[in-house]
Amino acid sequence: LARYASIADGSHDLETRFLVNAASTVAGVPFSHRSIHLFEGHGTTFSPDVDSPSYRCLFPDAPLDDKTPDFAAARVLGEEQR
């Protein structure tokens, strides 16, 4: 990842988001993530600077599987069912 100017993440699973955050932190590359759920949208960009927080600082532990709805059940409002 070090060859890129920044990393943009729109993944639908938390395991991937934590992995991309860790890899971008090690590579020293800015990391942006965006996510949506029903009426909510979240977006954050993390700088690789030493004193800057990372995704892991905001969410130290990934939520337990039974506490997080799967993305098939917790869709975006208005998304067509498949």
Protein backbone atom coordinates (compact mmCIF):
# COMPACT_ATOMS: atom_id res chain seq x y z
CA LEU A 1 0.00 0.00 0.00
CA ALA A 2 2.95 2.33 0.50
CA ARG A 3 3.02 3.17 -3.24
CA TYR A 4 -0.43 4.81 -3.05
CA ALA A 5 -1.15 8.40 -2.02
CA SER A 6 -4.21 7.34 0.00
CA ILE A 7 -6.50 4.37 0.64
CA ALA A 8 -10.30 4.60 0.30
CA ASP A 9 -12.36 1.91 1.99
CA GLY A 10 -16.06 1.24 1.47
CA SER A 11 -16.04 -2.37 2.60
CA HIS A 12 -19.13 -3.99 4.06
CA ASP A 13 -17.45 -6.02 6.76
CA LEU A 14 -15.67 -4.85 9.87
CA GLU A 15 -12.87 -7.42 9.64
CA THR A 16 -11.81 -5.93 6.30
CA ARG A 17 -12.06 -2.38 7.64
CA PHE A 18 -9.79 -3.21 10.60
CA LEU A 19 -7.33 -4.96 8.27
CA VAL A 20 -7.19 -2.06 5.79
CA ASN A 21 -6.69 0.37 8.70
CA ALA A 22 -3.79 -1.67 10.08
CA ALA A 23 -2.13 -2.02 6.68
CA SER A 24 -2.45 1.68 5.86
CA THR A 25 -1.10 2.64 9.30
CA VAL A 26 1.95 0.39 8.84
CA ALA A 27 2.48 1.73 5.30
CA GLY A 28 2.12 5.34 6.44
CA VAL A 29 -0.68 6.09 3.98
CA PRO A 30 -3.82 8.14 4.77
CA PHE A 31 -6.92 5.94 5.18
CA SER A 32 -10.49 7.08 4.46
CA HIS A 33 -13.55 5.01 5.20
CA ARG A 34 -17.19 5.60 4.40
CA SER A 35 -20.18 3.58 5.50
CA ILE A 36 -23.94 3.89 5.50
CA HIS A 37 -26.72 2.22 7.46
CA LEU A 38 -30.39 3.12 7.00
CA PHE A 39 -30.47 6.92 7.67
CA GLU A 40 -26.90 7.21 8.95
CA GLY A 41 -23.71 7.88 7.08
CA HIS A 42 -20.20 7.89 8.49
CA GLY A 43 -16.99 9.08 6.99
CA THR A 44 -13.56 9.59 8.46
CA THR A 45 -10.07 10.16 7.12
CA PHE A 46 -7.09 9.14 9.23
CA SER A 47 -3.66 10.66 8.78
CA PRO A 48 -0.55 8.47 9.07
CA ASP A 49 1.12 11.07 11.31
CA VAL A 50 2.53 9.64 14.53
CA ASP A 51 0.25 11.70 16.80
CA SER A 52 -2.92 11.11 14.76
CA PRO A 53 -5.59 8.61 15.78
CA SER A 54 -6.45 5.59 13.65
CA TYR A 55 -9.67 3.64 13.10
CA ARG A 56 -8.54 1.33 15.91
CA CYS A 57 -8.38 4.36 18.27
CA LEU A 58 -12.08 5.05 17.65
CA PHE A 59 -13.06 1.39 17.76
CA PRO A 60 -10.49 -0.48 19.91
CA ASP A 61 -12.33 -3.79 19.60
CA ALA A 62 -14.37 -5.12 16.75
CA PRO A 63 -17.96 -5.74 17.88
CA LEU A 64 -18.94 -9.32 18.55
CA ASP A 65 -20.62 -11.06 15.63
CA ASP A 66 -23.89 -11.45 17.53
CA LYS A 67 -23.98 -7.69 18.27
CA THR A 68 -23.58 -6.58 14.66
CA PRO A 69 -26.33 -7.14 12.10
CA ASP A 70 -25.20 -8.70 8.87
CA PHE A 71 -25.31 -6.39 5.89
CA ALA A 72 -28.08 -8.38 4.21
CA ALA A 73 -30.36 -7.57 7.17
CA ALA A 74 -29.08 -4.04 7.92
CA ARG A 75 -29.31 -2.54 4.47
CA VAL A 76 -29.44 0.99 3.23
CA LEU A 77 -32.95 2.42 3.35
CA GLY A 78 -34.43 2.33 -0.14
CA GLU A 79 -32.05 -0.33 -1.41
CA GLU A 80 -33.80 -2.80 -3.64
CA GLN A 81 -34.07 -6.31 -2.24
CA ARG A 82 -32.31 -8.96 -4.25
